[in-house]
Structures are given as C-alpha cells and as structure tokens.
C-alpha cells in the first residue's frame, strides 16, 4: 500500500466513486493508515465540504465504512470522527435534492 500523505489522500478522495468497490478500497487504505486518523478526518471533512453535491453522499458512505470496519483494530476513527460526523450529515442533508429524494 502506498504511503500516507495528505496530498495522497486528497488525490484518492478526488478519485472516489460511488461504487462499493471504490469506497471499500479507500476505506481499507485509510484503516491501514489509522495512526494518521486525525489528519485523515480533517482532510476528509475539508474535501467533503469542497465536493460537488452529487459526490457528498459518497463521503458519508466512506466514513461509515471506515468507522464500522476499523473498530476491531482500534478506536482511532470512532474517536476522531465523533466531533465532525453530525455536522457532516447536516452539511450533506442540505443537498438532498441532488440525491433524488
């Protein structure tokens, strides 16, 4: 797996698609680099806010996958996503008309 850097994460987030495979692949990479969970969450939140409306929900899918699948390895992501996840959901919900509801 490639080394962690914020630039690498930004690139991977820009390439993230709505497919299950894309979300799971990036999730595994993030979990592998869980010792960087705090900067990962910071970059994730920043990129979520910059993302086009039709891509925002995918960021929540990614966070969900990371949180659920990293629990066995440690509490890092659960702890670091906790302060930002509610506001992230509120942010994404403002764009719900893009999701076909």
Protein backbone atom coordinates (compact mmCIF):
# COMPACT_ATOMS: atom_id res chain seq x y z
CA UNK A 1 0.00 0.00 0.00
CA UNK A 2 1.18 3.48 -0.78
CA UNK A 3 2.49 5.72 1.98
CA UNK A 4 0.18 8.16 3.72
CA UNK A 5 0.30 11.86 2.98
CA UNK A 6 -2.42 14.47 2.93
CA UNK A 7 -1.75 15.01 -0.77
CA UNK A 8 -2.17 11.28 -1.45
CA UNK A 9 -5.43 11.27 0.48
CA UNK A 10 -6.73 14.32 -1.39
CA UNK A 11 -5.97 12.56 -4.68
CA UNK A 12 -7.68 9.35 -3.56
CA UNK A 13 -10.74 11.30 -2.38
CA UNK A 14 -10.90 13.12 -5.73
CA UNK A 15 -10.94 9.72 -7.47
CA UNK A 16 -13.50 8.18 -5.10
CA UNK A 17 -16.59 6.95 -6.91
CA UNK A 18 -19.97 5.85 -5.63
CA UNK A 19 -19.22 2.18 -6.25
CA UNK A 20 -18.98 -0.20 -3.33
CA UNK A 21 -15.56 -1.34 -4.51
CA UNK A 22 -14.21 2.22 -4.63
CA UNK A 23 -15.50 3.00 -1.12
CA UNK A 24 -14.18 -0.27 0.32
CA UNK A 25 -10.78 0.07 -1.34
CA UNK A 26 -10.22 3.56 0.04
CA UNK A 27 -11.63 2.50 3.41
CA UNK A 28 -9.06 -0.30 3.66
CA UNK A 29 -6.27 2.13 2.77
CA UNK A 30 -7.45 4.56 5.46
CA UNK A 31 -7.73 1.81 8.08
CA UNK A 32 -4.23 0.66 7.16
CA UNK A 33 -3.06 4.21 7.91
CA UNK A 34 -5.18 4.57 11.07
CA UNK A 35 -2.27 6.02 13.06
CA UNK A 36 -2.94 9.15 10.94
CA UNK A 37 -6.65 9.15 11.79
CA UNK A 38 -6.78 12.76 12.99
CA UNK A 39 -5.33 14.31 9.79
CA UNK A 40 -7.36 11.82 7.73
CA UNK A 41 -10.60 13.04 9.31
CA UNK A 42 -9.52 16.68 8.88
CA UNK A 43 -8.82 16.18 5.16
CA UNK A 44 -12.00 14.10 4.73
CA UNK A 45 -14.12 16.88 6.24
CA UNK A 46 -12.43 19.62 4.19
CA UNK A 47 -12.80 17.66 0.95
CA UNK A 48 -16.43 16.76 1.77
CA UNK A 49 -17.26 20.46 2.02
CA UNK A 50 -15.49 21.18 -1.30
CA UNK A 51 -17.02 18.21 -3.14
CA UNK A 52 -19.69 18.65 -5.77
CA UNK A 53 -23.17 17.99 -4.37
CA UNK A 54 -23.57 14.71 -6.26
CA UNK A 55 -20.40 13.35 -4.58
CA UNK A 56 -21.08 14.34 -0.97
CA UNK A 57 -23.10 11.26 -0.04
CA UNK A 58 -20.19 9.05 -1.11
CA UNK A 59 -18.03 10.72 1.55
CA UNK A 60 -20.58 9.64 4.18
CA UNK A 61 -20.52 6.08 2.78
CA UNK A 62 -16.74 6.14 3.15
CA UNK A 63 -16.86 7.43 6.74
CA UNK A 64 -19.44 4.78 7.63
CA UNK A 65 -17.31 2.00 6.16
CA UNK A 66 -14.16 3.25 7.91
CA UNK A 67 -15.86 3.62 11.29
CA UNK A 68 -17.54 0.21 11.14
CA UNK A 69 -14.58 -1.74 9.84
CA UNK A 70 -11.88 -0.10 11.95
CA UNK A 71 -13.49 -0.85 15.33
CA UNK A 72 -11.73 -4.21 15.64
CA UNK A 73 -8.34 -2.62 15.08
CA UNK A 74 -8.75 0.29 17.47
CA UNK A 75 -10.88 3.28 18.48
CA UNK A 76 -8.99 5.93 16.49
CA UNK A 77 -11.56 6.61 13.78
CA UNK A 78 -14.59 6.33 16.06
CA UNK A 79 -13.00 8.89 18.37
CA UNK A 80 -11.78 11.24 15.62
CA UNK A 81 -14.97 11.19 13.52
CA UNK A 82 -17.19 11.79 16.60
CA UNK A 83 -16.75 15.60 16.74
CA UNK A 84 -17.36 16.13 13.00
CA UNK A 85 -19.82 13.48 11.80
CA UNK A 86 -23.07 15.18 12.92
CA UNK A 87 -22.16 18.43 11.18
CA UNK A 88 -21.08 16.44 8.12
CA UNK A 89 -24.52 14.81 7.96
CA UNK A 90 -26.19 18.21 8.34
CA UNK A 91 -23.99 19.60 5.58
CA UNK A 92 -24.82 16.74 3.21
CA UNK A 93 -28.55 16.88 4.03
CA UNK A 94 -28.65 20.44 2.66
CA UNK A 95 -28.03 18.88 -0.75
CA UNK A 96 -30.63 16.10 -0.52
CA UNK A 97 -32.36 17.33 -3.69
CA UNK A 98 -29.30 16.04 -5.58
CA UNK A 99 -29.90 12.50 -4.29
CA UNK A 100 -33.29 12.00 -5.91
CA UNK A 101 -35.49 12.11 -2.80
